[in-house]
N, C-alpha and C. Protein backbone atom coordinates (compact mmCIF):
# COMPACT_ATOMS: atom_id res chain seq x y z
N MET A 1 -79.20 -76.75 -157.01
CA MET A 1 -78.64 -75.50 -156.52
C MET A 1 -78.53 -74.49 -157.66
N LYS A 2 -78.06 -74.96 -158.82
CA LYS A 2 -77.90 -74.08 -159.97
C LYS A 2 -79.26 -73.53 -160.41
N ARG A 3 -80.31 -74.35 -160.32
CA ARG A 3 -81.65 -73.92 -160.72
C ARG A 3 -82.13 -72.80 -159.80
N TYR A 4 -81.87 -72.90 -158.48
CA TYR A 4 -82.28 -71.84 -157.54
C TYR A 4 -81.53 -70.55 -157.83
N PHE A 5 -80.24 -70.68 -158.14
CA PHE A 5 -79.44 -69.48 -158.45
C PHE A 5 -80.01 -68.76 -159.67
N VAL A 6 -80.35 -69.51 -160.71
CA VAL A 6 -80.92 -68.92 -161.93
C VAL A 6 -82.26 -68.27 -161.61
N CYS A 7 -83.07 -68.91 -160.79
CA CYS A 7 -84.37 -68.38 -160.41
C CYS A 7 -84.21 -67.05 -159.65
N PHE A 8 -83.33 -67.00 -158.63
CA PHE A 8 -83.10 -65.78 -157.86
C PHE A 8 -82.51 -64.68 -158.74
N LEU A 9 -81.61 -65.04 -159.64
CA LEU A 9 -81.01 -64.07 -160.54
C LEU A 9 -82.07 -63.47 -161.45
N THR A 10 -82.96 -64.29 -161.97
CA THR A 10 -84.04 -63.82 -162.85
C THR A 10 -84.96 -62.87 -162.10
N ILE A 11 -85.37 -63.23 -160.88
CA ILE A 11 -86.25 -62.37 -160.09
C ILE A 11 -85.55 -61.05 -159.78
N GLY A 12 -84.29 -61.09 -159.42
CA GLY A 12 -83.53 -59.88 -159.14
C GLY A 12 -83.45 -58.96 -160.34
N LEU A 13 -83.21 -59.52 -161.51
CA LEU A 13 -83.15 -58.71 -162.73
C LEU A 13 -84.50 -58.10 -163.05
N LEU A 14 -85.57 -58.86 -162.90
CA LEU A 14 -86.91 -58.31 -163.15
C LEU A 14 -87.22 -57.16 -162.21
N LEU A 15 -86.88 -57.29 -160.95
CA LEU A 15 -87.14 -56.20 -160.00
C LEU A 15 -86.30 -54.98 -160.30
N ALA A 16 -85.09 -55.18 -160.78
CA ALA A 16 -84.22 -54.04 -161.11
C ALA A 16 -84.66 -53.34 -162.38
N ILE A 17 -85.15 -54.10 -163.35
CA ILE A 17 -85.55 -53.54 -164.64
C ILE A 17 -86.95 -52.94 -164.57
N CYS A 18 -87.83 -53.49 -163.77
CA CYS A 18 -89.24 -53.13 -163.78
C CYS A 18 -89.74 -52.74 -162.40
N PRO A 19 -89.31 -51.60 -161.85
CA PRO A 19 -89.77 -51.19 -160.52
C PRO A 19 -91.28 -51.09 -160.38
N PRO A 20 -92.04 -50.65 -161.43
CA PRO A 20 -93.49 -50.57 -161.25
C PRO A 20 -94.14 -51.92 -160.94
N CYS A 21 -93.44 -53.00 -161.21
CA CYS A 21 -94.02 -54.31 -160.90
C CYS A 21 -94.22 -54.50 -159.41
N TYR A 22 -93.41 -53.87 -158.58
CA TYR A 22 -93.55 -54.08 -157.15
C TYR A 22 -93.89 -52.81 -156.38
N GLY A 23 -93.99 -51.70 -157.04
CA GLY A 23 -94.38 -50.46 -156.36
C GLY A 23 -94.11 -49.27 -157.25
N GLN A 24 -94.94 -48.24 -157.12
CA GLN A 24 -94.78 -47.08 -157.96
C GLN A 24 -94.22 -45.93 -157.16
N SER A 25 -93.47 -45.07 -157.84
CA SER A 25 -93.02 -43.84 -157.20
C SER A 25 -94.24 -42.94 -157.01
N SER A 26 -94.12 -41.95 -156.15
CA SER A 26 -95.23 -41.02 -155.92
C SER A 26 -95.63 -40.34 -157.22
N LYS A 27 -94.63 -39.99 -158.06
CA LYS A 27 -94.95 -39.31 -159.31
C LYS A 27 -95.80 -40.19 -160.21
N MET A 28 -95.44 -41.44 -160.36
CA MET A 28 -96.22 -42.32 -161.23
C MET A 28 -97.56 -42.67 -160.60
N ALA A 29 -97.63 -42.75 -159.30
CA ALA A 29 -98.88 -43.12 -158.64
C ALA A 29 -99.94 -42.03 -158.79
N ILE A 30 -99.53 -40.77 -158.89
CA ILE A 30 -100.49 -39.67 -158.98
C ILE A 30 -101.00 -39.47 -160.41
N VAL A 31 -100.27 -39.99 -161.40
CA VAL A 31 -100.66 -39.81 -162.79
C VAL A 31 -102.02 -40.46 -163.03
N GLY A 32 -102.90 -39.70 -163.67
CA GLY A 32 -104.22 -40.22 -164.01
C GLY A 32 -105.29 -39.16 -163.84
N THR A 33 -106.53 -39.60 -163.93
CA THR A 33 -107.68 -38.73 -163.78
C THR A 33 -108.38 -39.09 -162.48
N TRP A 34 -108.72 -38.07 -161.69
CA TRP A 34 -109.29 -38.25 -160.36
C TRP A 34 -110.61 -37.48 -160.27
N LYS A 35 -111.65 -38.13 -159.75
CA LYS A 35 -112.98 -37.53 -159.59
C LYS A 35 -113.15 -37.07 -158.14
N LEU A 36 -113.62 -35.84 -157.95
CA LEU A 36 -113.81 -35.29 -156.61
C LEU A 36 -114.89 -36.06 -155.86
N ILE A 37 -114.57 -36.49 -154.64
CA ILE A 37 -115.52 -37.19 -153.77
C ILE A 37 -116.04 -36.24 -152.70
N CYS A 38 -115.14 -35.53 -152.03
CA CYS A 38 -115.58 -34.60 -150.99
C CYS A 38 -114.49 -33.60 -150.65
N ILE A 39 -114.92 -32.50 -150.03
CA ILE A 39 -114.00 -31.50 -149.50
C ILE A 39 -114.32 -31.38 -148.02
N GLU A 40 -113.29 -31.54 -147.18
CA GLU A 40 -113.49 -31.51 -145.73
C GLU A 40 -112.63 -30.44 -145.09
N ARG A 41 -113.11 -29.90 -143.99
CA ARG A 41 -112.33 -28.96 -143.18
C ARG A 41 -111.48 -29.80 -142.23
N VAL A 42 -110.19 -29.48 -142.12
CA VAL A 42 -109.29 -30.22 -141.24
C VAL A 42 -108.53 -29.24 -140.35
N ASP A 43 -108.00 -29.76 -139.24
CA ASP A 43 -107.14 -28.92 -138.40
C ASP A 43 -105.68 -29.28 -138.67
N TRP A 44 -104.76 -28.66 -137.96
CA TRP A 44 -103.34 -28.88 -138.19
C TRP A 44 -102.89 -30.29 -137.86
N LYS A 45 -103.68 -31.02 -137.08
CA LYS A 45 -103.34 -32.41 -136.75
C LYS A 45 -103.99 -33.38 -137.73
N ASP A 46 -104.60 -32.85 -138.81
CA ASP A 46 -105.30 -33.63 -139.83
C ASP A 46 -106.55 -34.31 -139.31
N ASN A 47 -107.14 -33.78 -138.25
CA ASN A 47 -108.43 -34.28 -137.78
C ASN A 47 -109.52 -33.64 -138.61
N VAL A 48 -110.46 -34.44 -139.09
CA VAL A 48 -111.55 -33.93 -139.90
C VAL A 48 -112.54 -33.22 -138.98
N LEU A 49 -112.87 -31.98 -139.32
CA LEU A 49 -113.78 -31.18 -138.52
C LEU A 49 -115.18 -31.12 -139.11
N GLY A 50 -115.34 -31.59 -140.33
CA GLY A 50 -116.65 -31.56 -140.98
C GLY A 50 -116.53 -31.15 -142.43
N PRO A 51 -117.67 -31.02 -143.10
CA PRO A 51 -117.63 -30.65 -144.52
C PRO A 51 -117.13 -29.22 -144.71
N TYR A 52 -116.44 -29.00 -145.79
CA TYR A 52 -115.96 -27.67 -146.18
C TYR A 52 -116.84 -27.25 -147.34
N GLU A 53 -117.76 -26.37 -147.09
CA GLU A 53 -118.75 -26.02 -148.10
C GLU A 53 -118.31 -24.84 -148.95
N TRP A 54 -117.06 -24.88 -149.35
CA TRP A 54 -116.46 -23.85 -150.18
C TRP A 54 -117.22 -23.69 -151.50
N LEU A 55 -117.63 -24.79 -152.09
CA LEU A 55 -118.39 -24.76 -153.35
C LEU A 55 -119.84 -25.18 -153.13
N GLY A 56 -120.34 -25.04 -151.93
CA GLY A 56 -121.71 -25.46 -151.65
C GLY A 56 -121.73 -26.84 -151.01
N LYS A 57 -122.92 -27.36 -150.83
CA LYS A 57 -123.08 -28.66 -150.17
C LYS A 57 -122.69 -29.83 -151.07
N LYS A 58 -122.89 -29.69 -152.36
CA LYS A 58 -122.54 -30.75 -153.31
C LYS A 58 -121.52 -30.19 -154.29
N GLN A 59 -120.42 -30.88 -154.42
CA GLN A 59 -119.40 -30.45 -155.37
C GLN A 59 -119.11 -31.58 -156.35
N ILE A 60 -118.69 -31.21 -157.54
CA ILE A 60 -118.20 -32.19 -158.51
C ILE A 60 -116.90 -31.64 -159.07
N GLY A 61 -116.06 -32.52 -159.58
CA GLY A 61 -114.82 -32.03 -160.15
C GLY A 61 -113.90 -33.13 -160.63
N LEU A 62 -112.91 -32.71 -161.38
CA LEU A 62 -111.87 -33.61 -161.89
C LEU A 62 -110.51 -32.97 -161.69
N ARG A 63 -109.53 -33.79 -161.44
CA ARG A 63 -108.13 -33.39 -161.31
C ARG A 63 -107.36 -34.37 -162.19
N ILE A 64 -106.55 -33.84 -163.09
CA ILE A 64 -105.82 -34.68 -164.03
C ILE A 64 -104.32 -34.38 -163.93
N TYR A 65 -103.51 -35.43 -163.78
CA TYR A 65 -102.05 -35.33 -163.80
C TYR A 65 -101.56 -36.20 -164.95
N ASP A 66 -100.73 -35.64 -165.84
CA ASP A 66 -100.22 -36.47 -166.93
C ASP A 66 -98.75 -36.82 -166.71
N THR A 67 -98.24 -37.69 -167.55
CA THR A 67 -96.87 -38.19 -167.37
C THR A 67 -95.81 -37.16 -167.74
N SER A 68 -96.18 -36.11 -168.46
CA SER A 68 -95.18 -35.11 -168.85
C SER A 68 -95.08 -33.95 -167.87
N GLY A 69 -95.82 -34.02 -166.74
CA GLY A 69 -95.68 -33.00 -165.70
C GLY A 69 -96.70 -31.88 -165.76
N TYR A 70 -97.81 -32.09 -166.46
CA TYR A 70 -98.88 -31.09 -166.51
C TYR A 70 -100.09 -31.57 -165.71
N TYR A 71 -100.83 -30.59 -165.18
CA TYR A 71 -102.05 -30.90 -164.43
C TYR A 71 -103.16 -29.96 -164.87
N ALA A 72 -104.40 -30.35 -164.58
CA ALA A 72 -105.57 -29.50 -164.79
C ALA A 72 -106.59 -29.84 -163.71
N VAL A 73 -107.22 -28.80 -163.16
CA VAL A 73 -108.22 -28.97 -162.11
C VAL A 73 -109.49 -28.24 -162.52
N GLN A 74 -110.63 -28.90 -162.38
CA GLN A 74 -111.94 -28.31 -162.63
C GLN A 74 -112.85 -28.75 -161.48
N ASP A 75 -113.25 -27.84 -160.62
CA ASP A 75 -114.16 -28.15 -159.52
C ASP A 75 -115.31 -27.16 -159.56
N MET A 76 -116.51 -27.64 -159.24
CA MET A 76 -117.66 -26.75 -159.24
C MET A 76 -118.76 -27.27 -158.32
N ARG A 77 -119.67 -26.36 -158.00
CA ARG A 77 -120.86 -26.74 -157.27
C ARG A 77 -121.69 -27.62 -158.19
N ASP A 78 -122.46 -28.54 -157.62
CA ASP A 78 -123.32 -29.41 -158.41
C ASP A 78 -124.10 -28.55 -159.40
N PRO A 79 -124.08 -28.90 -160.69
CA PRO A 79 -124.69 -28.01 -161.68
C PRO A 79 -126.19 -27.83 -161.47
N PRO A 80 -126.69 -26.59 -161.65
CA PRO A 80 -128.12 -26.34 -161.53
C PRO A 80 -128.87 -26.89 -162.73
N ALA A 81 -130.18 -26.86 -162.66
CA ALA A 81 -130.99 -27.30 -163.79
C ALA A 81 -130.67 -26.41 -165.00
N ALA A 82 -130.77 -26.99 -166.19
CA ALA A 82 -130.46 -26.26 -167.42
C ALA A 82 -131.42 -25.08 -167.59
N SER A 83 -130.84 -23.97 -168.05
CA SER A 83 -131.67 -22.79 -168.34
C SER A 83 -130.98 -22.01 -169.44
N ALA A 84 -131.60 -20.92 -169.85
CA ALA A 84 -131.04 -20.09 -170.92
C ALA A 84 -129.77 -19.38 -170.47
N GLY A 85 -129.60 -19.18 -169.16
CA GLY A 85 -128.38 -18.56 -168.66
C GLY A 85 -128.46 -17.05 -168.60
N SER A 86 -129.25 -16.55 -167.66
CA SER A 86 -129.31 -15.10 -167.47
C SER A 86 -127.96 -14.61 -166.94
N LEU A 87 -127.74 -13.30 -166.96
CA LEU A 87 -126.49 -12.75 -166.44
C LEU A 87 -126.31 -13.11 -164.97
N GLU A 88 -127.37 -13.09 -164.21
CA GLU A 88 -127.30 -13.45 -162.79
C GLU A 88 -126.90 -14.91 -162.62
N GLU A 89 -127.48 -15.80 -163.43
CA GLU A 89 -127.13 -17.23 -163.35
C GLU A 89 -125.68 -17.47 -163.77
N MET A 90 -125.23 -16.75 -164.79
CA MET A 90 -123.84 -16.92 -165.23
C MET A 90 -122.86 -16.41 -164.17
N ALA A 91 -123.19 -15.31 -163.51
CA ALA A 91 -122.33 -14.79 -162.44
C ALA A 91 -122.28 -15.78 -161.29
N ASP A 92 -123.43 -16.37 -160.95
CA ASP A 92 -123.48 -17.36 -159.88
C ASP A 92 -122.66 -18.60 -160.26
N ALA A 93 -122.77 -19.03 -161.51
CA ALA A 93 -121.99 -20.19 -161.98
C ALA A 93 -120.49 -19.88 -161.93
N PHE A 94 -120.10 -18.67 -162.27
CA PHE A 94 -118.69 -18.28 -162.22
C PHE A 94 -118.16 -18.35 -160.78
N ARG A 95 -118.95 -17.86 -159.83
CA ARG A 95 -118.53 -17.89 -158.42
C ARG A 95 -118.43 -19.32 -157.88
N ALA A 96 -119.16 -20.24 -158.50
CA ALA A 96 -119.19 -21.62 -158.03
C ALA A 96 -118.30 -22.54 -158.85
N TYR A 97 -117.32 -21.95 -159.56
CA TYR A 97 -116.44 -22.75 -160.42
C TYR A 97 -115.00 -22.41 -160.10
N HIS A 98 -114.17 -23.42 -159.99
CA HIS A 98 -112.76 -23.24 -159.68
C HIS A 98 -111.97 -24.03 -160.72
N ALA A 99 -111.11 -23.36 -161.46
CA ALA A 99 -110.34 -24.05 -162.50
C ALA A 99 -108.95 -23.45 -162.61
N HIS A 100 -107.95 -24.31 -162.72
CA HIS A 100 -106.59 -23.87 -162.99
C HIS A 100 -105.81 -25.01 -163.62
N PHE A 101 -104.71 -24.66 -164.29
CA PHE A 101 -103.86 -25.67 -164.93
C PHE A 101 -102.43 -25.17 -164.94
N GLY A 102 -101.50 -26.09 -165.18
CA GLY A 102 -100.09 -25.72 -165.23
C GLY A 102 -99.22 -26.95 -165.14
N THR A 103 -98.06 -26.79 -164.51
CA THR A 103 -97.13 -27.89 -164.35
C THR A 103 -97.08 -28.31 -162.88
N TYR A 104 -96.58 -29.51 -162.66
CA TYR A 104 -96.46 -30.00 -161.28
C TYR A 104 -95.18 -30.79 -161.11
N GLU A 105 -94.72 -30.84 -159.86
CA GLU A 105 -93.58 -31.67 -159.46
C GLU A 105 -93.99 -32.43 -158.21
N ILE A 106 -93.43 -33.62 -158.06
CA ILE A 106 -93.67 -34.43 -156.87
C ILE A 106 -92.39 -34.47 -156.05
N LYS A 107 -92.51 -34.23 -154.77
CA LYS A 107 -91.39 -34.32 -153.83
C LYS A 107 -91.82 -35.21 -152.67
N GLU A 108 -90.86 -35.67 -151.92
CA GLU A 108 -91.15 -36.37 -150.67
C GLU A 108 -90.49 -35.60 -149.55
N MET A 109 -91.18 -35.51 -148.42
CA MET A 109 -90.59 -34.84 -147.26
C MET A 109 -90.96 -35.61 -146.01
N GLU A 110 -90.24 -35.35 -144.97
CA GLU A 110 -90.49 -36.02 -143.69
C GLU A 110 -91.68 -35.32 -143.04
N GLY A 111 -92.71 -36.10 -142.73
CA GLY A 111 -93.90 -35.55 -142.09
C GLY A 111 -94.09 -36.13 -140.70
N LYS A 112 -95.27 -35.87 -140.15
CA LYS A 112 -95.57 -36.36 -138.79
C LYS A 112 -95.60 -37.87 -138.71
N GLN A 113 -96.05 -38.52 -139.79
CA GLN A 113 -96.13 -39.98 -139.79
C GLN A 113 -95.14 -40.58 -140.79
N GLY A 114 -93.94 -40.04 -140.82
CA GLY A 114 -92.93 -40.54 -141.75
C GLY A 114 -92.95 -39.72 -143.03
N LYS A 115 -92.51 -40.34 -144.13
CA LYS A 115 -92.45 -39.62 -145.40
C LYS A 115 -93.84 -39.40 -145.94
N GLU A 116 -94.05 -38.20 -146.48
CA GLU A 116 -95.31 -37.92 -147.14
C GLU A 116 -95.02 -37.26 -148.48
N GLY A 117 -95.96 -37.42 -149.41
CA GLY A 117 -95.80 -36.83 -150.73
C GLY A 117 -96.17 -35.36 -150.70
N VAL A 118 -95.46 -34.59 -151.50
CA VAL A 118 -95.75 -33.17 -151.66
C VAL A 118 -95.89 -32.92 -153.15
N VAL A 119 -96.97 -32.26 -153.53
CA VAL A 119 -97.15 -31.88 -154.93
C VAL A 119 -97.04 -30.36 -155.02
N LEU A 120 -96.14 -29.91 -155.89
CA LEU A 120 -95.91 -28.49 -156.11
C LEU A 120 -96.55 -28.14 -157.45
N HIS A 121 -97.60 -27.33 -157.41
CA HIS A 121 -98.29 -26.90 -158.63
C HIS A 121 -97.78 -25.51 -159.01
N HIS A 122 -97.50 -25.30 -160.27
CA HIS A 122 -97.18 -23.97 -160.78
C HIS A 122 -98.30 -23.60 -161.74
N SER A 123 -99.18 -22.71 -161.29
CA SER A 123 -100.35 -22.32 -162.06
C SER A 123 -99.95 -21.47 -163.26
N GLN A 124 -100.31 -21.94 -164.45
CA GLN A 124 -100.04 -21.18 -165.67
C GLN A 124 -101.29 -20.51 -166.21
N GLY A 125 -102.44 -20.98 -165.76
CA GLY A 125 -103.71 -20.39 -166.16
C GLY A 125 -104.74 -20.68 -165.08
N SER A 126 -105.63 -19.70 -164.87
CA SER A 126 -106.63 -19.86 -163.81
C SER A 126 -107.84 -19.00 -164.13
N LEU A 127 -108.99 -19.43 -163.66
CA LEU A 127 -110.20 -18.63 -163.76
C LEU A 127 -110.04 -17.34 -162.95
N MET A 128 -109.19 -17.39 -161.93
CA MET A 128 -108.91 -16.23 -161.08
C MET A 128 -107.58 -15.62 -161.53
N PRO A 129 -107.59 -14.47 -162.21
CA PRO A 129 -106.35 -13.90 -162.76
C PRO A 129 -105.22 -13.73 -161.75
N GLY A 130 -105.53 -13.42 -160.50
CA GLY A 130 -104.49 -13.22 -159.50
C GLY A 130 -103.74 -14.49 -159.13
N LYS A 131 -104.24 -15.64 -159.54
CA LYS A 131 -103.59 -16.90 -159.20
C LYS A 131 -102.67 -17.42 -160.31
N VAL A 132 -102.65 -16.74 -161.45
CA VAL A 132 -101.75 -17.14 -162.54
C VAL A 132 -100.32 -16.85 -162.11
N GLY A 133 -99.45 -17.84 -162.29
CA GLY A 133 -98.05 -17.69 -161.92
C GLY A 133 -97.75 -18.10 -160.48
N MET A 134 -98.77 -18.44 -159.71
CA MET A 134 -98.58 -18.81 -158.31
C MET A 134 -98.05 -20.25 -158.20
N TYR A 135 -97.36 -20.51 -157.10
CA TYR A 135 -96.91 -21.86 -156.76
C TYR A 135 -97.72 -22.33 -155.56
N TYR A 136 -98.19 -23.58 -155.61
CA TYR A 136 -98.95 -24.17 -154.51
C TYR A 136 -98.22 -25.42 -154.03
N HIS A 137 -98.05 -25.54 -152.75
CA HIS A 137 -97.27 -26.60 -152.12
C HIS A 137 -98.22 -27.36 -151.19
N TRP A 138 -98.72 -28.53 -151.63
CA TRP A 138 -99.70 -29.28 -150.87
C TRP A 138 -99.21 -30.69 -150.59
N THR A 139 -99.59 -31.24 -149.45
CA THR A 139 -99.25 -32.64 -149.16
C THR A 139 -100.34 -33.54 -149.74
N PHE A 140 -99.95 -34.77 -150.06
CA PHE A 140 -100.94 -35.71 -150.58
C PHE A 140 -100.62 -37.11 -150.11
N LYS A 141 -101.64 -37.93 -150.15
CA LYS A 141 -101.52 -39.34 -149.80
C LYS A 141 -102.40 -40.12 -150.76
N ILE A 142 -101.88 -41.23 -151.25
CA ILE A 142 -102.67 -42.12 -152.10
C ILE A 142 -102.87 -43.41 -151.34
N SER A 143 -104.12 -43.80 -151.20
CA SER A 143 -104.48 -45.03 -150.51
C SER A 143 -105.46 -45.79 -151.38
N GLY A 144 -105.00 -46.88 -151.96
CA GLY A 144 -105.85 -47.63 -152.89
C GLY A 144 -106.18 -46.76 -154.09
N ASN A 145 -107.47 -46.55 -154.35
CA ASN A 145 -107.88 -45.72 -155.48
C ASN A 145 -108.28 -44.30 -155.05
N ARG A 146 -107.83 -43.88 -153.86
CA ARG A 146 -108.15 -42.56 -153.32
C ARG A 146 -106.91 -41.67 -153.27
N LEU A 147 -107.10 -40.42 -153.65
CA LEU A 147 -106.07 -39.39 -153.55
C LEU A 147 -106.59 -38.34 -152.58
N MET A 148 -105.83 -38.08 -151.52
CA MET A 148 -106.22 -37.06 -150.54
C MET A 148 -105.18 -35.96 -150.56
N ILE A 149 -105.61 -34.75 -150.89
CA ILE A 149 -104.73 -33.59 -150.94
C ILE A 149 -105.10 -32.68 -149.79
N THR A 150 -104.12 -32.33 -148.96
CA THR A 150 -104.34 -31.44 -147.82
C THR A 150 -103.76 -30.07 -148.14
N VAL A 151 -104.63 -29.07 -148.04
CA VAL A 151 -104.25 -27.67 -148.28
C VAL A 151 -104.25 -27.00 -146.91
N ARG A 152 -103.10 -27.01 -146.25
CA ARG A 152 -103.02 -26.54 -144.86
C ARG A 152 -103.39 -25.07 -144.70
N GLN A 153 -102.97 -24.21 -145.65
CA GLN A 153 -103.27 -22.79 -145.48
C GLN A 153 -104.77 -22.51 -145.54
N ASP A 154 -105.55 -23.38 -146.16
CA ASP A 154 -107.01 -23.23 -146.20
C ASP A 154 -107.72 -24.19 -145.26
N ALA A 155 -106.96 -24.98 -144.50
CA ALA A 155 -107.50 -25.97 -143.56
C ALA A 155 -108.52 -26.88 -144.23
N MET A 156 -108.16 -27.42 -145.41
CA MET A 156 -109.08 -28.33 -146.10
C MET A 156 -108.36 -29.52 -146.71
N ARG A 157 -109.14 -30.58 -146.87
CA ARG A 157 -108.66 -31.79 -147.53
C ARG A 157 -109.63 -32.13 -148.64
N LEU A 158 -109.07 -32.34 -149.82
CA LEU A 158 -109.87 -32.74 -150.97
C LEU A 158 -109.62 -34.22 -151.20
N THR A 159 -110.67 -34.99 -151.33
CA THR A 159 -110.54 -36.42 -151.57
C THR A 159 -111.08 -36.74 -152.96
N TYR A 160 -110.26 -37.43 -153.72
CA TYR A 160 -110.60 -37.81 -155.09
C TYR A 160 -110.54 -39.34 -155.21
N GLU A 161 -111.25 -39.86 -156.19
CA GLU A 161 -111.21 -41.28 -156.51
C GLU A 161 -110.71 -41.44 -157.95
N ARG A 162 -109.82 -42.39 -158.14
CA ARG A 162 -109.26 -42.61 -159.48
C ARG A 162 -110.38 -43.01 -160.45
N VAL A 163 -110.36 -42.39 -161.62
CA VAL A 163 -111.33 -42.71 -162.67
C VAL A 163 -110.72 -43.80 -163.55
N GLU A 164 -111.45 -44.87 -163.69
CA GLU A 164 -110.97 -45.97 -164.52
C GLU A 164 -111.24 -45.66 -165.99
N LYS A 165 -110.44 -46.23 -166.86
CA LYS A 165 -110.61 -46.00 -168.31
C LYS A 165 -111.98 -46.51 -168.75
N LYS A 166 -112.59 -45.73 -169.66
CA LYS A 166 -113.87 -46.17 -170.25
C LYS A 166 -113.61 -47.30 -171.21
N LYS A 167 -114.52 -48.23 -171.24
CA LYS A 167 -114.34 -49.39 -172.14
C LYS A 167 -115.11 -49.21 -173.42
């Protein structure tokens, strides 16, 4: 009996001291580097309506969240073949590139299917000057190694895959 008590006490202490051992908070779960998989158009019921070709048919990108509360986003159309970069090509590349960075906070709120994560971005720098200083309030869900961010005002969902550390 005493051995079982010691065993249960040890397990209880480990769970109290080390919460990441049995589950991560939304804030810790989002930390990392995420590679863009796709951008989809969604409706208010989160039904996928098809591809969102905001950056063209093929998009690439990275989204990074660090442990100190900073984020950076770089998304672009699939890069064209290398060239010297005429003014027309550079203007086209600028239109096909989306980048911003700043701080973020994670909140939880009651959603249609129970609690859902909310990420609040405060843009401190952006390729688009009018977006500097803006706050963005988006819902997100992490499932396995996938991060899905829903931007309701633009009726789109961005899906990212966690990037594993290089060896």
